[in-house]
Amino acid sequence: MKTSTNEHKHLSHEEVDKLIITLKDRFHTHMHRHEGIEWEEVEQALRERPEKLWSLNQMEQTSGEPDVIGMEEGGSYVFCDCSKESPKGRRSTCYDLKALESRKKHKPEHNAMDLAAFMGIDLLTEDQYRSIQKLDEFDLKTSSWIQTPQDIRNLGGALFCDRRYGKVFVYHNGAESYYAARGFRGILYI
């Protein structure tokens, strides 16, 4: 994935239509994730926010399979990566730029925090990660970086989660570490 800040963040009409169809199909396939929410209202919100469509498309293109998981009090729809495993297009990333720059050898191509910022999304918090696990079972074979409290990050660590043995686990690792089975899940408000 390109991370150039000069890239034009706009989708063509054809790309918008294709993304809307994909999101609509996923929405109707997984109604348990968004009970009481009507697709027509979601689609209207999407079409009114083209810059958010670009971010959703980035989530889709990196195999995140974004879906509506709720609605905020202010009326914003909450989209989250709902791929069964951590999104394939966002794996093998260390936690942040500081971690990436600290690596002397075998640097990964990206870091999770900067890639998420480029995409216009946020990494999940621990609470958000636990919440999505109530909707479906995710990360049974992979793991996902989550937002890490600054005091932990200041000591060189970062947090990640997965689901094993029917439970959600939160772990720590050096922020500079990266693995083929660890990526990150994003969240986006529309």
N, C-alpha and C. Protein backbone atom coordinates (compact mmCIF):
# COMPACT_ATOMS: atom_id res chain seq x y z
N MET A 1 0.83 -1.18 0.00
CA MET A 1 0.00 0.00 0.00
C MET A 1 0.88 1.24 0.00
N LYS A 2 0.55 2.18 -0.84
CA LYS A 2 1.28 3.44 -0.87
C LYS A 2 0.87 4.27 0.33
N THR A 3 1.84 4.99 0.90
CA THR A 3 1.52 5.87 2.01
C THR A 3 1.95 7.30 1.71
N SER A 4 2.03 7.64 0.47
CA SER A 4 2.38 9.00 0.10
C SER A 4 1.29 9.96 0.55
N THR A 5 1.69 11.05 1.17
CA THR A 5 0.72 12.03 1.63
C THR A 5 0.18 12.85 0.47
N ASN A 6 0.77 12.73 -0.71
CA ASN A 6 0.32 13.48 -1.87
C ASN A 6 -0.78 12.76 -2.64
N GLU A 7 -1.06 11.52 -2.26
CA GLU A 7 -2.07 10.74 -2.97
C GLU A 7 -3.44 11.42 -2.81
N HIS A 8 -4.16 11.51 -3.91
CA HIS A 8 -5.48 12.13 -3.90
C HIS A 8 -6.47 11.17 -3.25
N LYS A 9 -7.11 11.60 -2.19
CA LYS A 9 -8.00 10.73 -1.42
C LYS A 9 -9.43 10.89 -1.91
N HIS A 10 -9.67 10.37 -3.09
CA HIS A 10 -10.99 10.49 -3.72
C HIS A 10 -11.26 9.22 -4.51
N LEU A 11 -12.51 8.76 -4.48
CA LEU A 11 -12.91 7.59 -5.25
C LEU A 11 -13.71 8.03 -6.46
N SER A 12 -13.57 7.31 -7.54
CA SER A 12 -14.39 7.56 -8.73
C SER A 12 -15.82 7.12 -8.42
N HIS A 13 -16.77 7.53 -9.26
CA HIS A 13 -18.17 7.11 -9.09
C HIS A 13 -18.29 5.60 -9.14
N GLU A 14 -17.52 4.96 -10.03
CA GLU A 14 -17.56 3.51 -10.14
C GLU A 14 -17.03 2.85 -8.88
N GLU A 15 -15.94 3.40 -8.31
CA GLU A 15 -15.39 2.85 -7.08
C GLU A 15 -16.37 3.01 -5.91
N VAL A 16 -17.03 4.16 -5.86
CA VAL A 16 -18.03 4.40 -4.81
C VAL A 16 -19.16 3.38 -4.92
N ASP A 17 -19.69 3.20 -6.13
CA ASP A 17 -20.79 2.26 -6.32
C ASP A 17 -20.39 0.84 -5.95
N LYS A 18 -19.20 0.43 -6.35
CA LYS A 18 -18.71 -0.91 -6.04
C LYS A 18 -18.56 -1.09 -4.52
N LEU A 19 -18.00 -0.09 -3.84
CA LEU A 19 -17.82 -0.16 -2.39
C LEU A 19 -19.17 -0.21 -1.69
N ILE A 20 -20.12 0.63 -2.11
CA ILE A 20 -21.45 0.65 -1.49
C ILE A 20 -22.12 -0.71 -1.62
N ILE A 21 -22.01 -1.34 -2.78
CA ILE A 21 -22.61 -2.67 -2.98
C ILE A 21 -21.97 -3.69 -2.03
N THR A 22 -20.64 -3.64 -1.92
CA THR A 22 -19.93 -4.56 -1.02
C THR A 22 -20.36 -4.36 0.42
N LEU A 23 -20.42 -3.10 0.86
CA LEU A 23 -20.81 -2.79 2.24
C LEU A 23 -22.26 -3.19 2.50
N LYS A 24 -23.13 -2.94 1.53
CA LYS A 24 -24.54 -3.29 1.67
C LYS A 24 -24.70 -4.80 1.81
N ASP A 25 -24.02 -5.56 0.96
CA ASP A 25 -24.11 -7.03 1.04
C ASP A 25 -23.61 -7.53 2.40
N ARG A 26 -22.50 -6.98 2.87
CA ARG A 26 -21.95 -7.41 4.16
C ARG A 26 -22.91 -7.02 5.30
N PHE A 27 -23.48 -5.82 5.20
CA PHE A 27 -24.43 -5.34 6.19
C PHE A 27 -25.59 -6.32 6.33
N HIS A 28 -26.16 -6.74 5.21
CA HIS A 28 -27.32 -7.64 5.23
C HIS A 28 -26.94 -9.07 5.62
N THR A 29 -25.72 -9.47 5.36
CA THR A 29 -25.26 -10.81 5.72
C THR A 29 -25.04 -10.94 7.23
N HIS A 30 -24.69 -9.85 7.89
CA HIS A 30 -24.32 -9.88 9.31
C HIS A 30 -25.20 -8.93 10.13
N MET A 31 -26.51 -9.10 10.02
CA MET A 31 -27.44 -8.21 10.71
C MET A 31 -27.27 -8.19 12.23
N HIS A 32 -26.74 -9.26 12.80
CA HIS A 32 -26.55 -9.32 14.25
C HIS A 32 -25.55 -8.28 14.76
N ARG A 33 -24.73 -7.73 13.87
CA ARG A 33 -23.74 -6.72 14.27
C ARG A 33 -24.36 -5.33 14.45
N HIS A 34 -25.55 -5.12 13.90
CA HIS A 34 -26.12 -3.77 13.88
C HIS A 34 -27.64 -3.79 13.95
N GLU A 35 -28.17 -4.52 14.89
CA GLU A 35 -29.62 -4.61 15.04
C GLU A 35 -30.23 -3.22 15.24
N GLY A 36 -31.35 -2.98 14.56
CA GLY A 36 -32.05 -1.71 14.69
C GLY A 36 -31.54 -0.61 13.79
N ILE A 37 -30.52 -0.87 13.00
CA ILE A 37 -29.97 0.12 12.08
C ILE A 37 -30.43 -0.23 10.68
N GLU A 38 -30.89 0.76 9.94
CA GLU A 38 -31.38 0.56 8.58
C GLU A 38 -30.30 0.92 7.56
N TRP A 39 -30.11 0.05 6.56
CA TRP A 39 -29.09 0.28 5.55
C TRP A 39 -29.30 1.60 4.80
N GLU A 40 -30.51 1.95 4.46
CA GLU A 40 -30.77 3.15 3.67
C GLU A 40 -30.21 4.39 4.36
N GLU A 41 -30.31 4.45 5.68
CA GLU A 41 -29.79 5.59 6.44
C GLU A 41 -28.26 5.57 6.46
N VAL A 42 -27.70 4.37 6.56
CA VAL A 42 -26.23 4.23 6.52
C VAL A 42 -25.72 4.69 5.17
N GLU A 43 -26.36 4.23 4.10
CA GLU A 43 -25.91 4.59 2.76
C GLU A 43 -25.99 6.10 2.55
N GLN A 44 -27.04 6.72 3.03
CA GLN A 44 -27.16 8.17 2.89
C GLN A 44 -26.00 8.87 3.60
N ALA A 45 -25.68 8.43 4.80
CA ALA A 45 -24.55 9.01 5.54
C ALA A 45 -23.24 8.82 4.79
N LEU A 46 -23.07 7.64 4.19
CA LEU A 46 -21.86 7.36 3.43
C LEU A 46 -21.72 8.29 2.22
N ARG A 47 -22.78 8.45 1.50
CA ARG A 47 -22.74 9.28 0.28
C ARG A 47 -22.53 10.76 0.60
N GLU A 48 -22.88 11.17 1.81
CA GLU A 48 -22.68 12.56 2.21
C GLU A 48 -21.26 12.83 2.70
N ARG A 49 -20.47 11.78 2.90
CA ARG A 49 -19.10 11.92 3.43
C ARG A 49 -18.10 11.21 2.53
N PRO A 50 -17.81 11.73 1.33
CA PRO A 50 -16.91 11.04 0.40
C PRO A 50 -15.51 10.78 0.96
N GLU A 51 -15.03 11.65 1.84
CA GLU A 51 -13.69 11.43 2.41
C GLU A 51 -13.69 10.20 3.31
N LYS A 52 -14.83 9.88 3.91
CA LYS A 52 -14.94 8.68 4.74
C LYS A 52 -15.04 7.43 3.86
N LEU A 53 -15.64 7.58 2.68
CA LEU A 53 -15.69 6.46 1.74
C LEU A 53 -14.29 6.05 1.32
N TRP A 54 -13.42 7.04 1.14
CA TRP A 54 -12.03 6.73 0.78
C TRP A 54 -11.40 5.87 1.88
N SER A 55 -11.62 6.26 3.15
CA SER A 55 -11.06 5.49 4.26
C SER A 55 -11.65 4.08 4.32
N LEU A 56 -12.96 3.97 4.13
CA LEU A 56 -13.59 2.65 4.11
C LEU A 56 -13.03 1.79 2.98
N ASN A 57 -12.77 2.41 1.84
CA ASN A 57 -12.19 1.67 0.73
C ASN A 57 -10.78 1.18 1.08
N GLN A 58 -10.02 1.99 1.80
CA GLN A 58 -8.70 1.55 2.25
C GLN A 58 -8.84 0.34 3.18
N MET A 59 -9.83 0.39 4.06
CA MET A 59 -10.07 -0.75 4.95
C MET A 59 -10.41 -1.99 4.13
N GLU A 60 -11.25 -1.81 3.13
CA GLU A 60 -11.66 -2.93 2.27
C GLU A 60 -10.47 -3.46 1.46
N GLN A 61 -9.68 -2.57 0.89
CA GLN A 61 -8.56 -2.97 0.05
C GLN A 61 -7.48 -3.71 0.81
N THR A 62 -7.40 -3.51 2.11
CA THR A 62 -6.41 -4.21 2.93
C THR A 62 -7.02 -5.42 3.65
N SER A 63 -8.18 -5.87 3.15
CA SER A 63 -8.85 -7.08 3.64
C SER A 63 -9.44 -6.95 5.04
N GLY A 64 -9.85 -5.74 5.41
CA GLY A 64 -10.44 -5.54 6.73
C GLY A 64 -11.91 -5.91 6.83
N GLU A 65 -12.60 -5.97 5.68
CA GLU A 65 -14.03 -6.28 5.66
C GLU A 65 -14.82 -5.41 6.64
N PRO A 66 -14.75 -4.06 6.45
CA PRO A 66 -15.45 -3.17 7.38
C PRO A 66 -16.95 -3.37 7.36
N ASP A 67 -17.56 -3.22 8.54
CA ASP A 67 -19.00 -3.36 8.69
C ASP A 67 -19.46 -2.42 9.80
N VAL A 68 -20.73 -2.09 9.78
CA VAL A 68 -21.33 -1.26 10.82
C VAL A 68 -21.45 -2.12 12.08
N ILE A 69 -20.95 -1.58 13.20
CA ILE A 69 -21.06 -2.32 14.47
C ILE A 69 -21.88 -1.55 15.50
N GLY A 70 -22.42 -0.40 15.11
CA GLY A 70 -23.22 0.36 16.05
C GLY A 70 -23.41 1.79 15.61
N MET A 71 -24.00 2.56 16.52
CA MET A 71 -24.25 3.96 16.26
C MET A 71 -23.95 4.74 17.54
N GLU A 72 -23.22 5.83 17.41
CA GLU A 72 -22.89 6.69 18.54
C GLU A 72 -24.09 7.55 18.92
N GLU A 73 -24.09 8.08 20.12
CA GLU A 73 -25.17 8.93 20.58
C GLU A 73 -25.41 10.13 19.67
N GLY A 74 -24.36 10.70 19.12
CA GLY A 74 -24.48 11.86 18.25
C GLY A 74 -25.00 11.53 16.86
N GLY A 75 -25.23 10.26 16.58
CA GLY A 75 -25.77 9.86 15.29
C GLY A 75 -24.75 9.32 14.31
N SER A 76 -23.49 9.22 14.70
CA SER A 76 -22.47 8.67 13.81
C SER A 76 -22.54 7.15 13.78
N TYR A 77 -22.40 6.60 12.57
CA TYR A 77 -22.33 5.15 12.43
C TYR A 77 -20.89 4.72 12.69
N VAL A 78 -20.74 3.59 13.36
CA VAL A 78 -19.42 3.07 13.71
C VAL A 78 -19.11 1.91 12.77
N PHE A 79 -18.05 2.05 11.99
CA PHE A 79 -17.56 0.98 11.14
C PHE A 79 -16.28 0.42 11.76
N CYS A 80 -16.14 -0.89 11.68
CA CYS A 80 -14.95 -1.55 12.22
C CYS A 80 -14.55 -2.68 11.29
N ASP A 81 -13.26 -2.99 11.29
CA ASP A 81 -12.79 -4.15 10.53
C ASP A 81 -13.36 -5.40 11.15
N CYS A 82 -14.08 -6.17 10.35
CA CYS A 82 -14.72 -7.39 10.85
C CYS A 82 -14.22 -8.64 10.13
N SER A 83 -13.04 -8.58 9.54
CA SER A 83 -12.47 -9.79 8.95
C SER A 83 -12.22 -10.80 10.07
N LYS A 84 -12.39 -12.06 9.75
CA LYS A 84 -12.24 -13.12 10.76
C LYS A 84 -10.88 -13.04 11.45
N GLU A 85 -9.84 -12.84 10.66
CA GLU A 85 -8.48 -12.69 11.19
C GLU A 85 -8.00 -11.27 10.96
N SER A 86 -6.93 -10.89 11.61
CA SER A 86 -6.39 -9.54 11.46
C SER A 86 -6.19 -9.25 9.96
N PRO A 87 -6.57 -8.06 9.48
CA PRO A 87 -6.52 -7.78 8.04
C PRO A 87 -5.17 -8.10 7.39
N LYS A 88 -5.21 -8.93 6.36
CA LYS A 88 -3.99 -9.40 5.69
C LYS A 88 -3.12 -8.26 5.18
N GLY A 89 -3.74 -7.22 4.66
CA GLY A 89 -2.97 -6.11 4.09
C GLY A 89 -2.35 -5.19 5.11
N ARG A 90 -2.51 -5.51 6.40
CA ARG A 90 -1.94 -4.67 7.45
C ARG A 90 -1.13 -5.45 8.45
N ARG A 91 -0.70 -6.62 8.08
CA ARG A 91 0.13 -7.44 8.97
C ARG A 91 1.60 -7.11 8.77
N SER A 92 2.42 -7.69 9.63
CA SER A 92 3.87 -7.47 9.60
C SER A 92 4.22 -6.00 9.77
N THR A 93 3.53 -5.35 10.69
CA THR A 93 3.82 -3.96 11.02
C THR A 93 4.24 -3.88 12.48
N CYS A 94 5.24 -3.06 12.75
CA CYS A 94 5.54 -2.77 14.15
C CYS A 94 4.52 -1.73 14.62
N TYR A 95 4.63 -1.28 15.87
CA TYR A 95 3.56 -0.46 16.44
C TYR A 95 3.53 0.98 15.90
N ASP A 96 4.65 1.70 15.96
CA ASP A 96 4.64 3.10 15.55
C ASP A 96 5.97 3.49 14.92
N LEU A 97 6.09 4.76 14.51
CA LEU A 97 7.29 5.24 13.83
C LEU A 97 8.52 5.14 14.72
N LYS A 98 8.38 5.49 15.98
CA LYS A 98 9.52 5.39 16.90
C LYS A 98 10.05 3.96 16.94
N ALA A 99 9.14 3.00 16.98
CA ALA A 99 9.54 1.59 16.98
C ALA A 99 10.21 1.21 15.67
N LEU A 100 9.65 1.67 14.56
CA LEU A 100 10.22 1.37 13.25
C LEU A 100 11.63 1.94 13.13
N GLU A 101 11.81 3.17 13.57
CA GLU A 101 13.13 3.81 13.47
C GLU A 101 14.14 3.19 14.41
N SER A 102 13.69 2.54 15.48
CA SER A 102 14.62 1.91 16.43
C SER A 102 15.20 0.60 15.91
N ARG A 103 14.55 0.02 14.90
CA ARG A 103 15.05 -1.25 14.35
C ARG A 103 16.29 -1.00 13.52
N LYS A 104 17.32 -1.73 13.78
CA LYS A 104 18.57 -1.59 13.02
C LYS A 104 18.56 -2.48 11.78
N LYS A 105 17.92 -3.64 11.88
CA LYS A 105 17.89 -4.60 10.77
C LYS A 105 16.46 -5.08 10.56
N HIS A 106 16.20 -5.56 9.36
CA HIS A 106 14.93 -6.21 9.02
C HIS A 106 13.71 -5.35 9.39
N LYS A 107 13.76 -4.11 8.94
CA LYS A 107 12.64 -3.21 9.23
C LYS A 107 11.42 -3.61 8.42
N PRO A 108 10.24 -3.56 9.04
CA PRO A 108 9.01 -3.81 8.28
C PRO A 108 8.74 -2.63 7.35
N GLU A 109 7.86 -2.83 6.41
CA GLU A 109 7.54 -1.77 5.46
C GLU A 109 6.75 -0.64 6.10
N HIS A 110 5.89 -0.96 7.07
CA HIS A 110 5.01 0.04 7.68
C HIS A 110 4.97 -0.12 9.20
N ASN A 111 4.40 0.88 9.84
CA ASN A 111 4.05 0.76 11.25
C ASN A 111 2.55 1.00 11.38
N ALA A 112 1.95 0.39 12.37
CA ALA A 112 0.49 0.39 12.50
C ALA A 112 -0.09 1.78 12.70
N MET A 113 0.49 2.58 13.57
CA MET A 113 -0.07 3.89 13.88
C MET A 113 -0.07 4.83 12.66
N ASP A 114 1.04 4.88 11.93
CA ASP A 114 1.10 5.76 10.76
C ASP A 114 0.24 5.25 9.62
N LEU A 115 0.18 3.95 9.45
CA LEU A 115 -0.66 3.39 8.39
C LEU A 115 -2.14 3.67 8.69
N ALA A 116 -2.54 3.53 9.94
CA ALA A 116 -3.91 3.84 10.32
C ALA A 116 -4.21 5.32 10.08
N ALA A 117 -3.29 6.19 10.46
CA ALA A 117 -3.50 7.63 10.25
C ALA A 117 -3.62 7.94 8.76
N PHE A 118 -2.78 7.34 7.94
CA PHE A 118 -2.86 7.54 6.49
C PHE A 118 -4.23 7.12 5.96
N MET A 119 -4.73 6.00 6.49
CA MET A 119 -6.01 5.47 6.04
C MET A 119 -7.20 6.28 6.58
N GLY A 120 -6.96 7.12 7.58
CA GLY A 120 -8.03 7.91 8.16
C GLY A 120 -8.84 7.16 9.19
N ILE A 121 -8.22 6.16 9.83
CA ILE A 121 -8.89 5.34 10.84
C ILE A 121 -8.07 5.34 12.12
N ASP A 122 -8.63 4.81 13.18
CA ASP A 122 -7.93 4.66 14.46
C ASP A 122 -7.80 3.20 14.80
N LEU A 123 -6.70 2.85 15.49
CA LEU A 123 -6.59 1.51 16.06
C LEU A 123 -7.66 1.37 17.14
N LEU A 124 -8.12 0.16 17.35
CA LEU A 124 -9.09 -0.09 18.42
C LEU A 124 -8.45 0.08 19.78
N THR A 125 -9.25 0.53 20.73
CA THR A 125 -8.83 0.51 22.13
C THR A 125 -9.09 -0.90 22.65
N GLU A 126 -8.61 -1.18 23.85
CA GLU A 126 -8.89 -2.49 24.45
C GLU A 126 -10.39 -2.70 24.62
N ASP A 127 -11.10 -1.67 25.08
CA ASP A 127 -12.55 -1.80 25.27
C ASP A 127 -13.26 -2.05 23.94
N GLN A 128 -12.86 -1.35 22.89
CA GLN A 128 -13.47 -1.56 21.58
C GLN A 128 -13.18 -2.96 21.07
N TYR A 129 -11.97 -3.44 21.28
CA TYR A 129 -11.61 -4.79 20.85
C TYR A 129 -12.49 -5.82 21.58
N ARG A 130 -12.65 -5.66 22.87
CA ARG A 130 -13.49 -6.58 23.64
C ARG A 130 -14.95 -6.51 23.16
N SER A 131 -15.41 -5.31 22.80
CA SER A 131 -16.78 -5.15 22.32
C SER A 131 -17.03 -5.88 21.02
N ILE A 132 -16.10 -5.79 20.07
CA ILE A 132 -16.34 -6.48 18.79
C ILE A 132 -16.33 -7.99 18.96
N GLN A 133 -15.61 -8.46 19.97
CA GLN A 133 -15.56 -9.90 20.22
C GLN A 133 -16.90 -10.43 20.73
N LYS A 134 -17.79 -9.53 21.17
CA LYS A 134 -19.14 -9.93 21.58
C LYS A 134 -20.05 -10.11 20.36
N LEU A 135 -19.64 -9.54 19.21
CA LEU A 135 -20.43 -9.64 17.98
C LEU A 135 -20.11 -10.90 17.19
N ASP A 136 -18.87 -11.28 17.19
CA ASP A 136 -18.35 -12.45 16.47
C ASP A 136 -17.05 -12.86 17.13
N GLU A 137 -16.48 -13.96 16.70
CA GLU A 137 -15.17 -14.38 17.20
C GLU A 137 -14.13 -13.99 16.17
N PHE A 138 -13.19 -13.14 16.59
CA PHE A 138 -12.14 -12.62 15.71
C PHE A 138 -10.76 -13.00 16.23
N ASP A 139 -9.80 -13.02 15.33
CA ASP A 139 -8.39 -13.27 15.67
C ASP A 139 -8.19 -14.59 16.41
N LEU A 140 -8.73 -15.66 15.82
CA LEU A 140 -8.54 -16.98 16.41
C LEU A 140 -7.17 -17.56 16.07
N LYS A 141 -6.54 -17.06 15.00
CA LYS A 141 -5.21 -17.52 14.59
C LYS A 141 -4.21 -16.38 14.49
N THR A 142 -4.69 -15.15 14.52
CA THR A 142 -3.83 -13.97 14.38
C THR A 142 -3.98 -13.10 15.63
N SER A 143 -3.32 -11.96 15.62
CA SER A 143 -3.47 -10.98 16.71
C SER A 143 -3.48 -9.59 16.11
N SER A 144 -3.93 -8.61 16.89
CA SER A 144 -4.05 -7.24 16.41
C SER A 144 -3.52 -6.25 17.44
N TRP A 145 -2.66 -5.33 16.96
CA TRP A 145 -2.22 -4.24 17.82
C TRP A 145 -3.44 -3.44 18.26
N ILE A 146 -3.41 -2.90 19.47
CA ILE A 146 -4.45 -1.98 19.95
C ILE A 146 -3.77 -0.71 20.46
N GLN A 147 -4.57 0.33 20.65
CA GLN A 147 -4.00 1.57 21.20
C GLN A 147 -3.36 1.26 22.54
N THR A 148 -2.16 1.78 22.71
CA THR A 148 -1.36 1.50 23.90
C THR A 148 -1.25 2.73 24.78
N PRO A 149 -1.50 2.61 26.08
CA PRO A 149 -1.34 3.75 26.98
C PRO A 149 0.09 4.30 26.91
N GLN A 150 0.20 5.60 27.03
CA GLN A 150 1.49 6.26 26.87
C GLN A 150 2.54 5.78 27.87
N ASP A 151 2.13 5.47 29.09
CA ASP A 151 3.12 5.02 30.08
C ASP A 151 3.76 3.70 29.66
N ILE A 152 3.00 2.83 29.05
CA ILE A 152 3.56 1.57 28.54
C ILE A 152 4.45 1.84 27.33
N ARG A 153 3.96 2.71 26.45
CA ARG A 153 4.73 3.03 25.24
C ARG A 153 6.05 3.70 25.60
N ASN A 154 6.05 4.56 26.62
CA ASN A 154 7.27 5.25 27.06
C ASN A 154 8.35 4.27 27.51
N LEU A 155 7.93 3.08 27.94
CA LEU A 155 8.88 2.06 28.39
C LEU A 155 9.26 1.10 27.26
N GLY A 156 8.78 1.39 26.04
CA GLY A 156 9.16 0.58 24.88
C GLY A 156 8.16 -0.50 24.51
N GLY A 157 7.08 -0.61 25.24
CA GLY A 157 6.12 -1.67 24.98
C GLY A 157 4.93 -1.22 24.15
N ALA A 158 4.16 -2.19 23.71
CA ALA A 158 2.90 -1.94 23.01
C ALA A 158 2.00 -3.14 23.27
N LEU A 159 0.68 -2.91 23.16
CA LEU A 159 -0.29 -3.95 23.47
C LEU A 159 -0.92 -4.53 22.21
N PHE A 160 -1.29 -5.79 22.29
CA PHE A 160 -2.03 -6.44 21.22
C PHE A 160 -2.99 -7.44 21.85
N CYS A 161 -3.99 -7.84 21.06
CA CYS A 161 -5.02 -8.76 21.55
C CYS A 161 -5.24 -9.90 20.57
N ASP A 162 -5.83 -10.95 21.08
CA ASP A 162 -6.34 -12.04 20.24
C ASP A 162 -7.40 -12.78 21.03
N ARG A 163 -7.96 -13.79 20.40
CA ARG A 163 -8.97 -14.62 21.06
C ARG A 163 -8.51 -16.07 20.99
N ARG A 164 -8.37 -16.69 22.14
CA ARG A 164 -7.98 -18.09 22.23
C ARG A 164 -8.80 -18.74 23.34
N TYR A 165 -9.12 -20.01 23.17
CA TYR A 165 -9.81 -20.78 24.21
C TYR A 165 -11.11 -20.11 24.66
N GLY A 166 -11.77 -19.41 23.72
CA GLY A 166 -13.03 -18.76 24.03
C GLY A 166 -12.91 -17.48 24.84
N LYS A 167 -11.70 -16.97 25.02
CA LYS A 167 -11.45 -15.76 25.82
C LYS A 167 -10.64 -14.75 25.01
N VAL A 168 -10.81 -13.48 25.35
CA VAL A 168 -10.01 -12.41 24.75
C VAL A 168 -8.82 -12.14 25.65
N PHE A 169 -7.63 -12.13 25.07
CA PHE A 169 -6.41 -11.89 25.82
C PHE A 169 -5.74 -10.60 25.36
N VAL A 170 -5.18 -9.87 26.31
CA VAL A 170 -4.38 -8.69 26.04
C VAL A 170 -2.96 -9.03 26.44
N TYR A 171 -2.02 -8.76 25.52
CA TYR A 171 -0.62 -9.07 25.75
C TYR A 171 0.23 -7.83 25.51
N HIS A 172 1.50 -7.97 25.82
CA HIS A 172 2.46 -6.89 25.55
C HIS A 172 3.61 -7.46 24.74
N ASN A 173 4.27 -6.57 24.03
CA ASN A 173 5.44 -6.93 23.24
C ASN A 173 6.27 -5.67 23.10
N GLY A 174 7.51 -5.82 22.69
CA GLY A 174 8.27 -4.63 22.34
C GLY A 174 7.60 -3.99 21.13
N ALA A 175 7.45 -2.69 21.13
CA ALA A 175 6.74 -2.00 20.05
C ALA A 175 7.41 -2.19 18.70
N GLU A 176 8.69 -2.51 18.70
CA GLU A 176 9.42 -2.68 17.44
C GLU A 176 9.22 -4.07 16.83
N SER A 177 8.57 -4.96 17.56
CA SER A 177 8.36 -6.32 17.04
C SER A 177 7.30 -6.31 15.95
N TYR A 178 7.41 -7.29 15.07
CA TYR A 178 6.36 -7.48 14.06
C TYR A 178 6.35 -8.94 13.65
N TYR A 179 5.15 -9.39 13.28
CA TYR A 179 4.95 -10.80 12.94
C TYR A 179 4.01 -10.91 11.76
N ALA A 180 4.15 -11.97 11.00
CA ALA A 180 3.30 -12.19 9.84
C ALA A 180 1.84 -12.39 10.24
N ALA A 181 1.60 -12.78 11.47
CA ALA A 181 0.23 -13.02 11.93
C ALA A 181 -0.31 -11.88 12.81
N ARG A 182 0.40 -10.75 12.86
CA ARG A 182 -0.11 -9.61 13.65
C ARG A 182 -0.28 -8.39 12.77
N GLY A 183 -1.49 -7.85 12.82
CA GLY A 183 -1.79 -6.62 12.11
C GLY A 183 -2.51 -5.67 13.05
N PHE A 184 -3.50 -4.98 12.53
CA PHE A 184 -4.31 -4.13 13.38
C PHE A 184 -5.69 -3.97 12.78
N ARG A 185 -6.66 -3.75 13.65
CA ARG A 185 -8.04 -3.49 13.24
C ARG A 185 -8.31 -2.01 13.45
N GLY A 186 -9.09 -1.45 12.52
CA GLY A 186 -9.40 -0.03 12.61
C GLY A 186 -10.85 0.23 12.88
N ILE A 187 -11.11 1.46 13.32
CA ILE A 187 -12.48 1.92 13.57
C ILE A 187 -12.64 3.28 12.91
N LEU A 188 -13.86 3.53 12.40
CA LEU A 188 -14.14 4.76 11.68
C LEU A 188 -15.56 5.20 12.00
N TYR A 189 -15.73 6.48 12.27
CA TYR A 189 -17.05 7.05 12.59
C TYR A 189 -17.54 7.87 11.43
N ILE A 190 -18.78 7.61 11.00
CA ILE A 190 -19.36 8.32 9.85
C ILE A 190 -20.71 8.91 10.25
